[in-house]
């Protein structure tokens, strides 16, 4: 079962500004989200922020945040960027 991945416009805009190695990690995370769903315990510092929100670290200074509504096959990535500005 594959999930549909939706990236907020701000995420797409910010992705271009991130270091290349972070962009590659984001691509791997998106692949895992699409294939395995919103829960990603193998990712560094993965945690469930609430019933529908999740996050993980892409490196020491970089994080990704996403949410998933139950009973839907859509995952929205709403933040990728520095830990200092993360919305959690």
PDB file of N, CA and C in Angstrom:
ATOM      1  N   UNK A   1       0.840  -1.167   0.000  1.00  0.00           N
ATOM      2  CA  UNK A   1       0.000   0.000   0.000  1.00  0.00           C
ATOM      3  C   UNK A   1       0.894   1.243   0.000  1.00  0.00           C
ATOM      4  N   UNK A   2       0.768   2.063  -0.994  1.00  0.00           N
ATOM      5  CA  UNK A   2       1.550   3.300  -1.083  1.00  0.00           C
ATOM      6  C   UNK A   2       0.728   4.494  -0.624  1.00  0.00           C
ATOM      7  N   UNK A   3       1.374   5.382   0.086  1.00  0.00           N
ATOM      8  CA  UNK A   3       0.752   6.621   0.547  1.00  0.00           C
ATOM      9  C   UNK A   3       1.050   7.722  -0.452  1.00  0.00           C
ATOM     10  N   UNK A   4       0.161   8.692  -0.524  1.00  0.00           N
ATOM     11  CA  UNK A   4       0.399   9.886  -1.349  1.00  0.00           C
ATOM     12  C   UNK A   4       1.126  10.899  -0.466  1.00  0.00           C
ATOM     13  N   UNK A   5       2.206  11.456  -0.974  1.00  0.00           N
ATOM     14  CA  UNK A   5       2.998  12.439  -0.231  1.00  0.00           C
ATOM     15  C   UNK A   5       2.736  13.824  -0.809  1.00  0.00           C
ATOM     16  N   UNK A   6       2.369  14.746   0.055  1.00  0.00           N
ATOM     17  CA  UNK A   6       2.109  16.130  -0.340  1.00  0.00           C
ATOM     18  C   UNK A   6       3.115  17.012   0.383  1.00  0.00           C
ATOM     19  N   UNK A   7       3.799  17.868  -0.361  1.00  0.00           N
ATOM     20  CA  UNK A   7       4.747  18.816   0.226  1.00  0.00           C
ATOM     21  C   UNK A   7       4.145  20.216   0.179  1.00  0.00           C
ATOM     22  N   UNK A   8       4.148  20.887   1.303  1.00  0.00           N
ATOM     23  CA  UNK A   8       3.680  22.274   1.319  1.00  0.00           C
ATOM     24  C   UNK A   8       4.585  23.118   0.418  1.00  0.00           C
ATOM     25  N   UNK A   9       4.041  24.192  -0.145  1.00  0.00           N
ATOM     26  CA  UNK A   9       4.813  25.053  -1.044  1.00  0.00           C
ATOM     27  C   UNK A   9       6.064  25.603  -0.362  1.00  0.00           C
ATOM     28  N   UNK A  10       5.940  25.940   0.910  1.00  0.00           N
ATOM     29  CA  UNK A  10       7.077  26.476   1.647  1.00  0.00           C
ATOM     30  C   UNK A  10       8.195  25.431   1.763  1.00  0.00           C
ATOM     31  N   UNK A  11       7.819  24.177   1.918  1.00  0.00           N
ATOM     32  CA  UNK A  11       8.815  23.093   1.987  1.00  0.00           C
ATOM     33  C   UNK A  11       9.560  22.995   0.663  1.00  0.00           C
ATOM     34  N   UNK A  12       8.827  23.018  -0.433  1.00  0.00           N
ATOM     35  CA  UNK A  12       9.460  22.953  -1.754  1.00  0.00           C
ATOM     36  C   UNK A  12      10.427  24.112  -1.953  1.00  0.00           C
ATOM     37  N   UNK A  13      10.017  25.301  -1.534  1.00  0.00           N
ATOM     38  CA  UNK A  13      10.860  26.489  -1.677  1.00  0.00           C
ATOM     39  C   UNK A  13      12.132  26.367  -0.828  1.00  0.00           C
ATOM     40  N   UNK A  14      11.974  25.907   0.421  1.00  0.00           N
ATOM     41  CA  UNK A  14      13.114  25.800   1.332  1.00  0.00           C
ATOM     42  C   UNK A  14      14.057  24.651   0.976  1.00  0.00           C
ATOM     43  N   UNK A  15      13.541  23.610   0.354  1.00  0.00           N
ATOM     44  CA  UNK A  15      14.376  22.454  -0.004  1.00  0.00           C
ATOM     45  C   UNK A  15      15.561  22.862  -0.866  1.00  0.00           C
ATOM     46  N   UNK A  16      15.329  23.762  -1.781  1.00  0.00           N
ATOM     47  CA  UNK A  16      16.393  24.205  -2.700  1.00  0.00           C
ATOM     48  C   UNK A  16      17.534  24.905  -1.974  1.00  0.00           C
ATOM     49  N   UNK A  17      17.242  25.459  -0.815  1.00  0.00           N
ATOM     50  CA  UNK A  17      18.247  26.206  -0.062  1.00  0.00           C
ATOM     51  C   UNK A  17      19.073  25.315   0.875  1.00  0.00           C
ATOM     52  N   UNK A  18      18.630  24.093   1.091  1.00  0.00           N
ATOM     53  CA  UNK A  18      19.307  23.197   2.027  1.00  0.00           C
ATOM     54  C   UNK A  18      20.548  22.579   1.392  1.00  0.00           C
ATOM     55  N   UNK A  19      21.503  22.163   2.220  1.00  0.00           N
ATOM     56  CA  UNK A  19      22.678  21.465   1.677  1.00  0.00           C
ATOM     57  C   UNK A  19      22.262  20.223   0.900  1.00  0.00           C
ATOM     58  N   UNK A  20      23.047  19.847  -0.080  1.00  0.00           N
ATOM     59  CA  UNK A  20      22.718  18.714  -0.943  1.00  0.00           C
ATOM     60  C   UNK A  20      22.527  17.426  -0.153  1.00  0.00           C
ATOM     61  N   UNK A  21      23.371  17.172   0.846  1.00  0.00           N
ATOM     62  CA  UNK A  21      23.238  15.931   1.611  1.00  0.00           C
ATOM     63  C   UNK A  21      21.914  15.874   2.373  1.00  0.00           C
ATOM     64  N   UNK A  22      21.397  17.043   2.808  1.00  0.00           N
ATOM     65  CA  UNK A  22      20.096  17.086   3.489  1.00  0.00           C
ATOM     66  C   UNK A  22      18.988  16.819   2.468  1.00  0.00           C
ATOM     67  N   UNK A  23      19.112  17.376   1.281  1.00  0.00           N
ATOM     68  CA  UNK A  23      18.133  17.128   0.224  1.00  0.00           C
ATOM     69  C   UNK A  23      18.047  15.636  -0.101  1.00  0.00           C
ATOM     70  N   UNK A  24      19.192  14.962  -0.122  1.00  0.00           N
ATOM     71  CA  UNK A  24      19.208  13.524  -0.398  1.00  0.00           C
ATOM     72  C   UNK A  24      18.520  12.747   0.721  1.00  0.00           C
ATOM     73  N   UNK A  25      18.740  13.165   1.964  1.00  0.00           N
ATOM     74  CA  UNK A  25      18.080  12.504   3.087  1.00  0.00           C
ATOM     75  C   UNK A  25      16.570  12.719   3.029  1.00  0.00           C
ATOM     76  N   UNK A  26      16.148  13.906   2.633  1.00  0.00           N
ATOM     77  CA  UNK A  26      14.719  14.187   2.492  1.00  0.00           C
ATOM     78  C   UNK A  26      14.123  13.258   1.442  1.00  0.00           C
ATOM     79  N   UNK A  27      14.816  13.074   0.336  1.00  0.00           N
ATOM     80  CA  UNK A  27      14.335  12.177  -0.720  1.00  0.00           C
ATOM     81  C   UNK A  27      14.171  10.758  -0.184  1.00  0.00           C
ATOM     82  N   UNK A  28      15.119  10.288   0.626  1.00  0.00           N
ATOM     83  CA  UNK A  28      15.017   8.952   1.223  1.00  0.00           C
ATOM     84  C   UNK A  28      13.841   8.873   2.200  1.00  0.00           C
ATOM     85  N   UNK A  29      13.664   9.924   2.996  1.00  0.00           N
ATOM     86  CA  UNK A  29      12.540   9.949   3.931  1.00  0.00           C
ATOM     87  C   UNK A  29      11.212   9.913   3.182  1.00  0.00           C
ATOM     88  N   UNK A  30      11.091  10.703   2.115  1.00  0.00           N
ATOM     89  CA  UNK A  30       9.852  10.718   1.332  1.00  0.00           C
ATOM     90  C   UNK A  30       9.556   9.350   0.743  1.00  0.00           C
ATOM     91  N   UNK A  31      10.591   8.672   0.299  1.00  0.00           N
ATOM     92  CA  UNK A  31      10.424   7.311  -0.235  1.00  0.00           C
ATOM     93  C   UNK A  31       9.908   6.376   0.855  1.00  0.00           C
ATOM     94  N   UNK A  32      10.502   6.454   2.051  1.00  0.00           N
ATOM     95  CA  UNK A  32      10.048   5.624   3.168  1.00  0.00           C
ATOM     96  C   UNK A  32       8.617   5.954   3.568  1.00  0.00           C
ATOM     97  N   UNK A  33       8.270   7.241   3.609  1.00  0.00           N
ATOM     98  CA  UNK A  33       6.906   7.633   3.953  1.00  0.00           C
ATOM     99  C   UNK A  33       5.912   7.080   2.944  1.00  0.00           C
ATOM    100  N   UNK A  34       6.265   7.178   1.674  1.00  0.00           N
ATOM    101  CA  UNK A  34       5.373   6.691   0.621  1.00  0.00           C
ATOM    102  C   UNK A  34       5.161   5.182   0.718  1.00  0.00           C
ATOM    103  N   UNK A  35       6.230   4.453   0.978  1.00  0.00           N
ATOM    104  CA  UNK A  35       6.154   2.991   0.990  1.00  0.00           C
ATOM    105  C   UNK A  35       5.690   2.400   2.317  1.00  0.00           C
ATOM    106  N   UNK A  36       6.047   3.040   3.443  1.00  0.00           N
ATOM    107  CA  UNK A  36       5.802   2.428   4.754  1.00  0.00           C
ATOM    108  C   UNK A  36       4.826   3.176   5.638  1.00  0.00           C
ATOM    109  N   UNK A  37       4.459   4.395   5.251  1.00  0.00           N
ATOM    110  CA  UNK A  37       3.499   5.137   6.051  1.00  0.00           C
ATOM    111  C   UNK A  37       4.138   6.138   6.993  1.00  0.00           C
ATOM    112  N   UNK A  38       3.315   6.773   7.835  1.00  0.00           N
ATOM    113  CA  UNK A  38       3.777   7.896   8.649  1.00  0.00           C
ATOM    114  C   UNK A  38       4.713   7.527   9.807  1.00  0.00           C
ATOM    115  N   UNK A  39       4.657   6.315  10.304  1.00  0.00           N
ATOM    116  CA  UNK A  39       5.516   5.934  11.428  1.00  0.00           C
ATOM    117  C   UNK A  39       6.849   5.433  10.900  1.00  0.00           C
ATOM    118  N   UNK A  40       7.930   6.132  11.289  1.00  0.00           N
ATOM    119  CA  UNK A  40       9.278   5.861  10.776  1.00  0.00           C
ATOM    120  C   UNK A  40      10.284   5.689  11.916  1.00  0.00           C
ATOM    121  N   UNK A  41      10.162   4.639  12.721  1.00  0.00           N
ATOM    122  CA  UNK A  41      11.031   4.483  13.893  1.00  0.00           C
ATOM    123  C   UNK A  41      12.513   4.284  13.575  1.00  0.00           C
ATOM    124  N   UNK A  42      12.861   3.913  12.343  1.00  0.00           N
ATOM    125  CA  UNK A  42      14.277   3.717  12.019  1.00  0.00           C
ATOM    126  C   UNK A  42      15.024   5.034  11.792  1.00  0.00           C
ATOM    127  N   UNK A  43      14.289   6.131  11.649  1.00  0.00           N
ATOM    128  CA  UNK A  43      14.924   7.428  11.413  1.00  0.00           C
ATOM    129  C   UNK A  43      15.398   8.029  12.725  1.00  0.00           C
ATOM    130  N   UNK A  44      16.520   8.744  12.655  1.00  0.00           N
ATOM    131  CA  UNK A  44      17.155   9.352  13.827  1.00  0.00           C
ATOM    132  C   UNK A  44      16.189  10.263  14.583  1.00  0.00           C
ATOM    133  N   UNK A  45      16.084  10.045  15.875  1.00  0.00           N
ATOM    134  CA  UNK A  45      15.243  10.845  16.772  1.00  0.00           C
ATOM    135  C   UNK A  45      13.798  10.962  16.303  1.00  0.00           C
ATOM    136  N   UNK A  46      13.293   9.922  15.655  1.00  0.00           N
ATOM    137  CA  UNK A  46      11.892   9.908  15.251  1.00  0.00           C
ATOM    138  C   UNK A  46      11.022   9.977  16.500  1.00  0.00           C
ATOM    139  N   UNK A  47       9.968  10.766  16.435  1.00  0.00           N
ATOM    140  CA  UNK A  47       8.994  10.750  17.520  1.00  0.00           C
ATOM    141  C   UNK A  47       7.631  11.193  17.010  1.00  0.00           C
ATOM    142  N   UNK A  48       6.641  10.729  17.720  1.00  0.00           N
ATOM    143  CA  UNK A  48       5.269  11.109  17.444  1.00  0.00           C
ATOM    144  C   UNK A  48       4.989  12.342  18.287  1.00  0.00           C
ATOM    145  N   UNK A  49       4.664  13.454  17.644  1.00  0.00           N
ATOM    146  CA  UNK A  49       4.447  14.714  18.358  1.00  0.00           C
ATOM    147  C   UNK A  49       3.034  14.807  18.923  1.00  0.00           C
ATOM    148  N   UNK A  50       2.094  14.189  18.246  1.00  0.00           N
ATOM    149  CA  UNK A  50       0.698  14.151  18.681  1.00  0.00           C
ATOM    150  C   UNK A  50       0.062  12.928  18.019  1.00  0.00           C
ATOM    151  N   UNK A  51      -1.242  12.857  18.081  1.00  0.00           N
ATOM    152  CA  UNK A  51      -1.945  11.724  17.484  1.00  0.00           C
ATOM    153  C   UNK A  51      -1.707  11.627  15.976  1.00  0.00           C
ATOM    154  N   UNK A  52      -1.488  12.785  15.317  1.00  0.00           N
ATOM    155  CA  UNK A  52      -1.357  12.786  13.857  1.00  0.00           C
ATOM    156  C   UNK A  52      -0.066  13.415  13.346  1.00  0.00           C
ATOM    157  N   UNK A  53       0.772  13.955  14.232  1.00  0.00           N
ATOM    158  CA  UNK A  53       1.990  14.646  13.794  1.00  0.00           C
ATOM    159  C   UNK A  53       3.240  13.886  14.223  1.00  0.00           C
ATOM    160  N   UNK A  54       4.261  13.931  13.342  1.00  0.00           N
ATOM    161  CA  UNK A  54       5.499  13.188  13.550  1.00  0.00           C
ATOM    162  C   UNK A  54       6.681  14.059  13.153  1.00  0.00           C
ATOM    163  N   UNK A  55       7.874  13.672  13.608  1.00  0.00           N
ATOM    164  CA  UNK A  55       9.085  14.354  13.160  1.00  0.00           C
ATOM    165  C   UNK A  55      10.274  13.415  13.291  1.00  0.00           C
ATOM    166  N   UNK A  56      11.353  13.759  12.588  1.00  0.00           N
ATOM    167  CA  UNK A  56      12.622  13.047  12.743  1.00  0.00           C
ATOM    168  C   UNK A  56      13.748  14.014  12.412  1.00  0.00           C
ATOM    169  N   UNK A  57      14.946  13.643  12.828  1.00  0.00           N
ATOM    170  CA  UNK A  57      16.122  14.460  12.534  1.00  0.00           C
ATOM    171  C   UNK A  57      16.793  13.940  11.269  1.00  0.00           C
ATOM    172  N   UNK A  58      17.190  14.853  10.425  1.00  0.00           N
ATOM    173  CA  UNK A  58      17.898  14.506   9.190  1.00  0.00           C
ATOM    174  C   UNK A  58      19.397  14.645   9.393  1.00  0.00           C
ATOM    175  N   UNK A  59      19.774  15.260  10.465  1.00  0.00           N
ATOM    176  CA  UNK A  59      21.163  15.498  10.847  1.00  0.00           C
ATOM    177  C   UNK A  59      21.123  16.238  12.170  1.00  0.00           C
ATOM    178  N   UNK A  60      22.258  16.669  12.657  1.00  0.00           N
ATOM    179  CA  UNK A  60      22.271  17.340  13.966  1.00  0.00           C
ATOM    180  C   UNK A  60      21.500  18.647  13.973  1.00  0.00           C
ATOM    181  N   UNK A  61      21.416  19.323  12.845  1.00  0.00           N
ATOM    182  CA  UNK A  61      20.754  20.636  12.797  1.00  0.00           C
ATOM    183  C   UNK A  61      19.492  20.670  11.944  1.00  0.00           C
ATOM    184  N   UNK A  62      19.093  19.539  11.368  1.00  0.00           N
ATOM    185  CA  UNK A  62      17.998  19.533  10.396  1.00  0.00           C
ATOM    186  C   UNK A  62      16.907  18.546  10.797  1.00  0.00           C
ATOM    187  N   UNK A  63      15.635  18.968  10.612  1.00  0.00           N
ATOM    188  CA  UNK A  63      14.504  18.110  10.939  1.00  0.00           C
ATOM    189  C   UNK A  63      13.465  18.146   9.824  1.00  0.00           C
ATOM    190  N   UNK A  64      12.602  17.145   9.856  1.00  0.00           N
ATOM    191  CA  UNK A  64      11.441  17.103   8.971  1.00  0.00           C
ATOM    192  C   UNK A  64      10.219  16.815   9.844  1.00  0.00           C
ATOM    193  N   UNK A  65       9.109  17.466   9.521  1.00  0.00           N
ATOM    194  CA  UNK A  65       7.860  17.268  10.248  1.00  0.00           C
ATOM    195  C   UNK A  65       6.753  16.950   9.245  1.00  0.00           C
ATOM    196  N   UNK A  66       5.873  16.042   9.626  1.00  0.00           N
ATOM    197  CA  UNK A  66       4.771  15.665   8.741  1.00  0.00           C
ATOM    198  C   UNK A  66       3.555  15.284   9.564  1.00  0.00           C
ATOM    199  N   UNK A  67       2.397  15.266   8.910  1.00  0.00           N
ATOM    200  CA  UNK A  67       1.203  14.787   9.589  1.00  0.00           C
ATOM    201  C   UNK A  67       0.398  13.904   8.665  1.00  0.00           C
ATOM    202  N   UNK A  68      -0.425  13.084   9.307  1.00  0.00           N
ATOM    203  CA  UNK A  68      -1.208  12.076   8.609  1.00  0.00           C
ATOM    204  C   UNK A  68      -2.569  11.982   9.289  1.00  0.00           C
ATOM    205  N   UNK A  69      -3.621  12.124   8.516  1.00  0.00           N
ATOM    206  CA  UNK A  69      -4.954  11.970   9.080  1.00  0.00           C
ATOM    207  C   UNK A  69      -5.355  10.501   8.999  1.00  0.00           C
ATOM    208  N   UNK A  70      -5.870  10.001  10.101  1.00  0.00           N
ATOM    209  CA  UNK A  70      -6.264   8.602  10.125  1.00  0.00           C
ATOM    210  C   UNK A  70      -7.320   8.329   9.057  1.00  0.00           C
ATOM    211  N   UNK A  71      -7.311   7.117   8.567  1.00  0.00           N
ATOM    212  CA  UNK A  71      -8.250   6.656   7.532  1.00  0.00           C
ATOM    213  C   UNK A  71      -8.011   7.304   6.170  1.00  0.00           C
ATOM    214  N   UNK A  72      -6.840   7.912   5.974  1.00  0.00           N
ATOM    215  CA  UNK A  72      -6.484   8.491   4.677  1.00  0.00           C
ATOM    216  C   UNK A  72      -5.099   8.001   4.291  1.00  0.00           C
ATOM    217  N   UNK A  73      -4.848   7.938   3.007  1.00  0.00           N
ATOM    218  CA  UNK A  73      -3.549   7.505   2.509  1.00  0.00           C
ATOM    219  C   UNK A  73      -2.716   8.693   2.052  1.00  0.00           C
ATOM    220  N   UNK A  74      -2.891   9.829   2.702  1.00  0.00           N
ATOM    221  CA  UNK A  74      -2.150  11.041   2.362  1.00  0.00           C
ATOM    222  C   UNK A  74      -1.313  11.487   3.557  1.00  0.00           C
ATOM    223  N   UNK A  75      -0.048  11.789   3.296  1.00  0.00           N
ATOM    224  CA  UNK A  75       0.858  12.322   4.313  1.00  0.00           C
ATOM    225  C   UNK A  75       1.328  13.678   3.814  1.00  0.00           C
ATOM    226  N   UNK A  76       1.188  14.707   4.654  1.00  0.00           N
ATOM    227  CA  UNK A  76       1.628  16.040   4.274  1.00  0.00           C
ATOM    228  C   UNK A  76       2.895  16.399   5.049  1.00  0.00           C
ATOM    229  N   UNK A  77       3.948  16.714   4.315  1.00  0.00           N
ATOM    230  CA  UNK A  77       5.189  17.186   4.917  1.00  0.00           C
ATOM    231  C   UNK A  77       5.048  18.706   5.021  1.00  0.00           C
ATOM    232  N   UNK A  78       5.009  19.213   6.259  1.00  0.00           N
ATOM    233  CA  UNK A  78       4.751  20.638   6.447  1.00  0.00           C
ATOM    234  C   UNK A  78       5.981  21.429   6.863  1.00  0.00           C
ATOM    235  N   UNK A  79       7.087  20.756   7.168  1.00  0.00           N
ATOM    236  CA  UNK A  79       8.307  21.491   7.507  1.00  0.00           C
ATOM    237  C   UNK A  79       9.535  20.640   7.242  1.00  0.00           C
ATOM    238  N   UNK A  80      10.532  21.224   6.616  1.00  0.00           N
ATOM    239  CA  UNK A  80      11.868  20.660   6.492  1.00  0.00           C
ATOM    240  C   UNK A  80      12.818  21.842   6.646  1.00  0.00           C
ATOM    241  N   UNK A  81      13.688  21.763   7.642  1.00  0.00           N
ATOM    242  CA  UNK A  81      14.607  22.872   7.861  1.00  0.00           C
ATOM    243  C   UNK A  81      15.377  22.722   9.152  1.00  0.00           C
ATOM    244  N   UNK A  82      15.839  23.837   9.676  1.00  0.00           N
ATOM    245  CA  UNK A  82      16.685  23.814  10.873  1.00  0.00           C
ATOM    246  C   UNK A  82      15.862  23.489  12.115  1.00  0.00           C
ATOM    247  N   UNK A  83      16.528  22.879  13.080  1.00  0.00           N
ATOM    248  CA  UNK A  83      15.863  22.526  14.338  1.00  0.00           C
ATOM    249  C   UNK A  83      15.385  23.769  15.079  1.00  0.00           C
ATOM    250  N   UNK A  84      16.164  24.846  14.981  1.00  0.00           N
ATOM    251  CA  UNK A  84      15.821  26.058  15.722  1.00  0.00           C
ATOM    252  C   UNK A  84      14.470  26.644  15.309  1.00  0.00           C
ATOM    253  N   UNK A  85      14.094  26.474  14.058  1.00  0.00           N
ATOM    254  CA  UNK A  85      12.856  27.065  13.558  1.00  0.00           C
ATOM    255  C   UNK A  85      11.721  26.052  13.425  1.00  0.00           C
ATOM    256  N   UNK A  86      11.930  24.839  13.897  1.00  0.00           N
ATOM    257  CA  UNK A  86      10.919  23.785  13.758  1.00  0.00           C
ATOM    258  C   UNK A  86       9.639  24.149  14.514  1.00  0.00           C
ATOM    259  N   UNK A  87       8.483  23.903  13.911  1.00  0.00           N
ATOM    260  CA  UNK A  87       7.204  24.296  14.508  1.00  0.00           C
ATOM    261  C   UNK A  87       6.629  23.253  15.470  1.00  0.00           C
ATOM    262  N   UNK A  88       7.422  22.791  16.418  1.00  0.00           N
ATOM    263  CA  UNK A  88       6.862  21.843  17.394  1.00  0.00           C
ATOM    264  C   UNK A  88       7.104  22.225  18.812  1.00  0.00           C
TER     265      UNK A  88
END
